[in-house]
Amino acid sequence: MKAEDSSEDREDEDQELYEHYRLAADPGQEPLRIDKFLMDRIPNTSRTKLQVAATNGNIRVNEEAVKANYKVKPGDDISIVLPYPQREIELIPQDIPLDILFEDDHIVVLNKPSDMVVHPGYGNYSGTLVNALVYHFENLPSAKDGLPNRPGLVHRLDKNTTGVMVIAKTEQAHTHLSMQFFDHSIDRRYMALAWGDLDADGTITGHIGRSLKNRKVMHIFPEGEYGKHAVTHYKVMERLNYVTLVECKLETGRTHQIRAHMQHIGHPLFNDPEYGGNKILKGTTFSKYKQFVMNNFDLLPRQALHARKLELTHPATGERLNFESPLPDDMSAVLERWRGYISTRND
């Protein structure tokens, strides 16, 4: 199944006008009405919704529109477009402090804290970065996807990922920065604490798409089957026996890319609830160790991921600029605790 995404960096696909799926029937598929077939494979939908989609010509098999009673056959190539329920989102300016690293007439570079959603969406109508931006800055340009609730945005960070972000203040800056993200000329480096002992630097390549079982998380799929091409390079910075501090360089910018890629190679990020890192995955069975890990989870109540560096070309001057953000206190504290724990065990 394939859910298309028109943006490389998207906080919540529910903000799109339409939800796109593509899937192929298995070679052994028995004849089955297509509305029933899709009911089992598309989350959060209803048979009525699927029947309406078929009536409107939005369900296609082998590029031809079909009715809801069409019987799926082995090998059928099926695509469907479903409208999301839309809601007008009013951008409410809110006086939320911003940690600004750099600002001029063209761009703003800031340090995003944890527990902050980037843009308003369903369930998050206030308290977002965009609510703060529209309070502090006027006439920010529209997002590249044309959605009105993303002024100034050219990329994003997950709610609980901290670190450097750039915001466009003019249409010219927005277009220029968007192209830099598109052609991957922006250098992004993240610090991540991953479970397990990674013994060498490496590169993770794997198509990323929405999980077929839970669309709130991403999954790695074989090339050409589903999702979008994604590449993450990682470098080992510090080994701590049970966890490893790595620097990740993004070659592409897919949703949850580092989190999904690290899980894919068996090293999910420390305390990442969506990708299985909030369990004790490595270490001893001693109760003292278990308590140590749980205390670290309490100290760092989020995935251990920080956008440390952002290097870009200034959209007006052409100058190459480099911005960095030190590790936040919660990640630094957990690292120090791991160092202390490993030191006492090695003595």
Protein backbone atom coordinates (compact mmCIF):
# COMPACT_ATOMS: atom_id res chain seq x y z
CA MET A 1 0.00 0.00 0.00
CA LYS A 2 1.30 3.43 -0.83
CA ALA A 3 0.34 6.70 0.84
CA GLU A 4 1.71 9.54 -1.24
CA ASP A 5 3.20 12.59 0.49
CA SER A 6 3.73 15.83 -1.39
CA SER A 7 6.28 17.16 1.12
CA GLU A 8 9.58 15.78 2.33
CA ASP A 9 9.20 17.30 5.76
CA ARG A 10 5.66 16.91 7.12
CA GLU A 11 4.51 16.92 10.72
CA ASP A 12 1.05 15.53 10.12
CA GLU A 13 -0.25 14.24 6.80
CA ASP A 14 -3.81 14.98 7.96
CA GLN A 15 -3.11 18.53 6.85
CA GLU A 16 -3.16 17.47 3.20
CA LEU A 17 -6.35 17.80 1.22
CA TYR A 18 -6.25 14.18 0.15
CA GLU A 19 -4.92 10.86 1.33
CA HIS A 20 -3.43 8.67 -1.41
CA TYR A 21 -2.99 4.90 -1.25
CA ARG A 22 -1.62 2.43 -3.76
CA LEU A 23 -1.41 -1.33 -3.29
CA ALA A 24 -1.20 -4.57 -5.25
CA ALA A 25 -3.32 -7.65 -4.71
CA ASP A 26 -1.35 -10.77 -3.81
CA PRO A 27 -0.90 -13.54 -6.42
CA GLY A 28 -3.13 -15.78 -4.32
CA GLN A 29 -5.88 -13.21 -3.77
CA GLU A 30 -9.36 -14.72 -3.88
CA PRO A 31 -12.15 -12.70 -5.56
CA LEU A 32 -13.42 -10.09 -3.08
CA ARG A 33 -15.43 -6.90 -3.37
CA ILE A 34 -13.01 -4.00 -3.52
CA ASP A 35 -14.75 -2.06 -0.75
CA LYS A 36 -14.31 -5.03 1.60
CA PHE A 37 -10.73 -5.54 0.37
CA LEU A 38 -9.82 -1.93 1.14
CA MET A 39 -11.60 -1.92 4.50
CA ASP A 40 -9.01 -4.39 5.80
CA ARG A 41 -6.06 -2.39 4.50
CA ILE A 42 -6.78 1.29 5.01
CA PRO A 43 -6.84 2.57 8.59
CA ASN A 44 -9.51 4.85 9.97
CA THR A 45 -11.95 4.49 7.10
CA SER A 46 -15.46 3.12 6.60
CA ARG A 47 -17.19 1.09 3.95
CA THR A 48 -19.52 4.03 3.26
CA LYS A 49 -16.55 6.32 2.69
CA LEU A 50 -15.04 3.79 0.29
CA GLN A 51 -18.31 3.40 -1.60
CA VAL A 52 -18.56 7.17 -2.02
CA ALA A 53 -14.99 7.21 -3.30
CA ALA A 54 -15.88 4.53 -5.84
CA THR A 55 -18.98 6.44 -6.98
CA ASN A 56 -16.79 9.51 -7.53
CA GLY A 57 -14.30 7.54 -9.61
CA ASN A 58 -11.59 7.74 -6.94
CA ILE A 59 -10.90 4.00 -6.81
CA ARG A 60 -8.91 2.73 -9.77
CA VAL A 61 -7.77 -0.74 -10.71
CA ASN A 62 -5.07 -1.00 -13.34
CA GLU A 63 -5.65 2.71 -14.05
CA GLU A 64 -9.39 2.27 -14.67
CA ALA A 65 -12.14 3.56 -12.35
CA VAL A 66 -14.21 0.77 -10.79
CA LYS A 67 -17.39 0.50 -8.73
CA ALA A 68 -17.57 -0.67 -5.12
CA ASN A 69 -18.71 -4.15 -6.18
CA TYR A 70 -15.67 -4.79 -8.37
CA LYS A 71 -14.07 -8.13 -7.48
CA VAL A 72 -10.35 -7.83 -6.76
CA LYS A 73 -8.19 -10.28 -8.73
CA PRO A 74 -4.62 -11.52 -8.19
CA GLY A 75 -2.05 -8.91 -9.18
CA ASP A 76 -4.50 -6.00 -9.49
CA ASP A 77 -2.83 -2.60 -9.19
CA ILE A 78 -5.18 -0.58 -6.97
CA SER A 79 -5.07 3.13 -6.20
CA ILE A 80 -7.46 5.25 -4.15
CA VAL A 81 -7.79 8.90 -3.23
CA LEU A 82 -9.75 9.78 -0.09
CA PRO A 83 -10.48 13.33 1.08
CA TYR A 84 -9.46 14.18 4.60
CA PRO A 85 -12.06 15.89 6.78
CA GLN A 86 -11.10 19.52 6.54
CA ARG A 87 -11.23 22.17 9.19
CA GLU A 88 -10.32 25.79 8.92
CA ILE A 89 -7.47 26.45 11.32
CA GLU A 90 -7.19 29.97 12.62
CA LEU A 91 -3.62 31.00 13.32
CA ILE A 92 -3.69 32.51 16.79
CA PRO A 93 -0.65 34.67 17.58
CA GLN A 94 0.78 33.61 20.93
CA ASP A 95 3.55 35.23 22.91
CA ILE A 96 5.68 32.10 23.19
CA PRO A 97 9.39 32.82 23.74
CA LEU A 98 11.72 31.88 20.89
CA ASP A 99 15.38 30.96 21.28
CA ILE A 100 16.72 32.84 18.25
CA LEU A 101 20.26 32.01 17.10
CA PHE A 102 20.32 34.37 14.10
CA GLU A 103 17.99 36.85 12.43
CA ASP A 104 18.13 39.32 9.56
CA ASP A 105 15.63 40.65 7.02
CA HIS A 106 15.50 37.29 5.19
CA ILE A 107 15.70 34.40 7.63
CA VAL A 108 15.36 33.45 11.28
CA VAL A 109 17.35 30.57 12.73
CA LEU A 110 16.10 29.26 16.05
CA ASN A 111 16.60 26.48 18.57
CA LYS A 112 13.38 24.47 18.96
CA PRO A 113 12.64 23.04 22.41
CA SER A 114 11.14 19.63 23.05
CA ASP A 115 7.38 19.16 23.51
CA MET A 116 6.58 21.75 20.83
CA VAL A 117 4.63 20.88 17.70
CA VAL A 118 5.87 22.83 14.68
CA HIS A 119 2.56 23.77 13.07
CA PRO A 120 -1.13 23.69 14.03
CA GLY A 121 -3.05 20.57 13.14
CA TYR A 122 -5.77 18.32 14.38
CA GLY A 123 -5.43 18.14 18.14
CA ASN A 124 -2.81 20.92 18.22
CA TYR A 125 -4.48 24.25 17.52
CA SER A 126 -2.33 26.36 19.81
CA GLY A 127 1.04 26.39 21.49
CA THR A 128 2.87 25.50 18.27
CA LEU A 129 5.97 27.07 16.78
CA VAL A 130 3.83 28.70 14.09
CA ASN A 131 1.63 30.34 16.75
CA ALA A 132 4.81 31.88 18.14
CA LEU A 133 6.10 32.89 14.70
CA VAL A 134 2.96 34.77 13.71
CA TYR A 135 3.13 36.67 17.01
CA HIS A 136 6.79 37.68 16.66
CA PHE A 137 6.97 38.23 12.88
CA GLU A 138 4.64 39.80 10.30
CA ASN A 139 3.89 38.78 6.72
CA LEU A 140 5.64 35.43 6.75
CA PRO A 141 5.42 33.68 3.35
CA SER A 142 3.13 30.70 2.77
CA ALA A 143 4.50 27.20 3.04
CA LYS A 144 5.64 25.50 -0.17
CA ASP A 145 2.62 23.20 -0.14
CA GLY A 146 0.29 26.19 -0.05
CA LEU A 147 -1.26 25.31 3.29
CA PRO A 148 -2.17 28.43 5.25
CA ASN A 149 -1.11 27.08 8.65
CA ARG A 150 2.60 26.87 7.84
CA PRO A 151 3.85 30.43 7.23
CA GLY A 152 7.62 30.67 6.96
CA LEU A 153 8.19 26.92 7.22
CA VAL A 154 10.52 25.14 4.82
CA HIS A 155 11.19 22.11 7.04
CA ARG A 156 10.22 20.76 10.42
CA LEU A 157 11.29 18.78 13.44
CA ASP A 158 9.20 16.22 15.31
CA LYS A 159 7.40 17.44 18.41
CA ASN A 160 9.98 16.02 20.83
CA THR A 161 13.07 16.54 18.70
CA THR A 162 15.09 19.58 19.71
CA GLY A 163 17.51 21.74 17.77
CA VAL A 164 18.18 24.08 14.88
CA MET A 165 15.49 25.21 12.44
CA VAL A 166 15.47 27.92 9.77
CA ILE A 167 12.42 30.06 9.02
CA ALA A 168 11.93 32.13 5.85
CA LYS A 169 10.83 35.74 6.32
CA THR A 170 10.31 36.58 2.62
CA GLU A 171 8.91 34.80 -0.43
CA GLN A 172 12.33 34.95 -2.08
CA ALA A 173 13.98 33.37 0.94
CA HIS A 174 11.26 30.76 1.13
CA THR A 175 11.73 29.73 -2.50
CA HIS A 176 15.52 29.69 -2.21
CA LEU A 177 15.57 27.63 0.98
CA SER A 178 12.93 25.22 -0.32
CA MET A 179 15.13 24.52 -3.34
CA GLN A 180 18.13 23.90 -1.08
CA PHE A 181 16.15 21.33 0.85
CA PHE A 182 14.90 19.81 -2.39
CA ASP A 183 18.37 19.39 -3.91
CA HIS A 184 19.89 18.32 -0.56
CA SER A 185 22.48 21.13 -0.51
CA ILE A 186 21.62 21.94 3.10
CA ASP A 187 23.83 20.04 5.55
CA ARG A 188 21.87 18.70 8.53
CA ARG A 189 23.55 16.88 11.40
CA TYR A 190 21.73 15.30 14.34
CA MET A 191 22.97 13.80 17.59
CA ALA A 192 21.16 10.63 18.61
CA LEU A 193 21.52 8.18 21.47
CA ALA A 194 20.73 4.71 20.16
CA TRP A 195 20.29 1.39 21.90
CA GLY A 196 23.09 -1.12 21.42
CA ASP A 197 26.78 -1.06 20.59
CA LEU A 198 27.36 0.17 17.04
CA ASP A 199 30.89 -0.90 16.17
CA ALA A 200 31.41 1.15 13.01
CA ASP A 201 30.16 4.11 11.01
CA GLY A 202 27.62 3.33 8.34
CA THR A 203 24.91 4.33 5.89
CA ILE A 204 21.26 3.29 6.06
CA THR A 205 19.31 3.19 2.81
CA GLY A 206 15.67 2.20 2.74
CA HIS A 207 12.39 3.47 1.34
CA ILE A 208 10.32 5.12 4.08
CA GLY A 209 6.53 5.13 4.04
CA ARG A 210 3.64 5.08 6.46
CA SER A 211 3.28 1.78 8.28
CA LEU A 212 0.50 -0.36 6.88
CA LYS A 213 -0.53 -1.25 10.43
CA ASN A 214 -0.17 2.13 12.14
CA ARG A 215 -0.02 5.24 9.98
CA LYS A 216 1.33 7.31 12.88
CA VAL A 217 4.72 5.67 12.42
CA MET A 218 6.98 5.07 9.45
CA HIS A 219 8.29 1.77 8.14
CA ILE A 220 11.12 0.69 5.86
CA PHE A 221 10.07 -1.03 2.63
CA PRO A 222 11.94 -2.74 -0.22
CA GLU A 223 12.91 -0.37 -3.01
CA GLY A 224 10.15 0.29 -5.49
CA GLU A 225 7.45 -1.32 -3.34
CA TYR A 226 6.28 1.62 -1.26
CA GLY A 227 7.47 4.86 0.28
CA LYS A 228 10.24 7.23 -0.76
CA HIS A 229 13.97 6.82 -1.15
CA ALA A 230 15.80 7.78 2.06
CA VAL A 231 19.47 7.80 3.07
CA THR A 232 20.96 8.40 6.52
CA HIS A 233 24.70 8.43 7.21
CA TYR A 234 25.78 7.86 10.81
CA LYS A 235 29.07 8.24 12.61
CA VAL A 236 29.87 6.70 15.98
CA MET A 237 30.78 9.45 18.46
CA GLU A 238 30.85 7.56 21.78
CA ARG A 239 30.26 3.96 22.82
CA LEU A 240 28.71 3.32 26.21
CA ASN A 241 28.33 -0.47 26.04
CA TYR A 242 24.54 -0.59 26.09
CA VAL A 243 23.94 2.62 24.14
CA THR A 244 25.87 4.54 21.49
CA LEU A 245 25.98 8.25 20.75
CA VAL A 246 25.93 8.78 17.00
CA GLU A 247 25.95 11.74 14.64
CA CYS A 248 23.45 11.34 11.81
CA LYS A 249 23.72 13.22 8.54
CA LEU A 250 20.57 13.37 6.46
CA GLU A 251 20.93 12.97 2.72
CA THR A 252 17.14 13.08 2.40
CA GLY A 253 14.50 14.46 4.73
CA ARG A 254 11.67 12.01 5.21
CA THR A 255 9.24 11.98 8.10
CA HIS A 256 10.79 10.26 11.16
CA GLN A 257 13.76 9.30 8.96
CA ILE A 258 16.43 8.85 11.62
CA ARG A 259 14.04 7.21 14.07
CA ALA A 260 12.73 4.71 11.52
CA HIS A 261 16.14 4.00 9.99
CA MET A 262 17.80 3.36 13.34
CA GLN A 263 15.01 1.00 14.35
CA HIS A 264 15.41 -0.76 11.00
CA ILE A 265 19.03 -1.68 11.74
CA GLY A 266 18.14 -2.87 15.24
CA HIS A 267 19.22 0.25 17.15
CA PRO A 268 16.12 2.34 17.98
CA LEU A 269 16.66 5.65 19.70
CA PHE A 270 16.76 5.68 23.47
CA ASN A 271 13.26 6.21 24.93
CA ASP A 272 11.57 6.54 21.53
CA PRO A 273 8.02 5.32 22.26
CA GLU A 274 6.86 5.06 18.64
CA TYR A 275 9.82 2.94 17.56
CA GLY A 276 10.31 0.64 20.53
CA GLY A 277 13.13 2.50 22.25
CA ASN A 278 11.21 3.04 25.48
CA LYS A 279 11.98 -0.51 26.62
CA ILE A 280 15.18 -1.95 28.07
CA LEU A 281 16.63 -3.45 24.91
CA LYS A 282 20.25 -4.01 25.96
CA GLY A 283 21.94 -4.76 29.25
CA THR A 284 21.74 -6.99 32.27
CA THR A 285 18.78 -8.47 34.11
CA PHE A 286 19.79 -6.96 37.44
CA SER A 287 17.08 -4.89 39.11
CA LYS A 288 19.61 -2.14 39.86
CA TYR A 289 20.34 -1.75 36.14
CA LYS A 290 16.64 -1.73 35.31
CA GLN A 291 16.05 1.04 37.83
CA PHE A 292 18.98 2.98 36.38
CA VAL A 293 17.46 2.84 32.90
CA MET A 294 13.99 3.77 34.13
CA ASN A 295 15.44 6.78 35.94
CA ASN A 296 17.06 7.83 32.66
CA PHE A 297 13.72 7.49 30.89
CA ASP A 298 12.24 9.85 33.49
CA LEU A 299 15.12 12.28 32.99
CA LEU A 300 14.75 12.20 29.21
CA PRO A 301 11.00 11.70 28.58
CA ARG A 302 11.32 11.71 24.78
CA GLN A 303 13.36 10.23 21.95
CA ALA A 304 17.06 11.08 22.31
CA LEU A 305 17.37 13.13 19.12
CA HIS A 306 18.74 16.63 18.66
CA ALA A 307 19.26 18.67 15.48
CA ARG A 308 22.76 19.90 16.25
CA LYS A 309 23.86 21.56 13.02
CA LEU A 310 22.30 23.31 10.04
CA GLU A 311 24.52 24.60 7.24
CA LEU A 312 22.90 26.54 4.40
CA THR A 313 23.46 29.16 1.74
CA HIS A 314 22.01 32.55 2.64
CA PRO A 315 19.15 33.19 0.20
CA ALA A 316 20.14 36.84 -0.40
CA THR A 317 23.91 37.08 0.04
CA GLY A 318 24.95 33.63 -1.17
CA GLU A 319 27.16 33.25 1.89
CA ARG A 320 27.49 29.78 3.36
CA LEU A 321 26.30 29.88 6.97
CA ASN A 322 26.70 27.30 9.72
CA PHE A 323 24.50 27.20 12.83
CA GLU A 324 24.92 24.86 15.77
CA SER A 325 23.00 24.08 18.92
CA PRO A 326 24.60 22.32 21.91
CA LEU A 327 23.01 19.20 23.33
CA PRO A 328 19.99 20.09 25.49
CA ASP A 329 20.20 19.56 29.22
CA ASP A 330 18.11 16.36 29.27
CA MET A 331 20.29 14.54 26.72
CA SER A 332 23.48 15.81 28.33
CA ALA A 333 22.35 14.63 31.76
CA VAL A 334 21.49 11.14 30.50
CA LEU A 335 24.85 10.86 28.72
CA GLU A 336 26.67 11.80 31.91
CA ARG A 337 24.73 9.18 33.85
CA TRP A 338 25.60 6.49 31.29
CA ARG A 339 29.27 7.49 31.43
CA GLY A 340 29.20 7.23 35.19
CA TYR A 341 27.46 3.87 35.11
CA ILE A 342 29.89 2.37 32.60
CA SER A 343 32.87 3.80 34.50
CA THR A 344 31.85 2.11 37.75
CA ARG A 345 31.30 -1.22 36.00
CA ASN A 346 34.70 -1.06 34.34
CA ASP A 347 36.56 -0.24 37.55
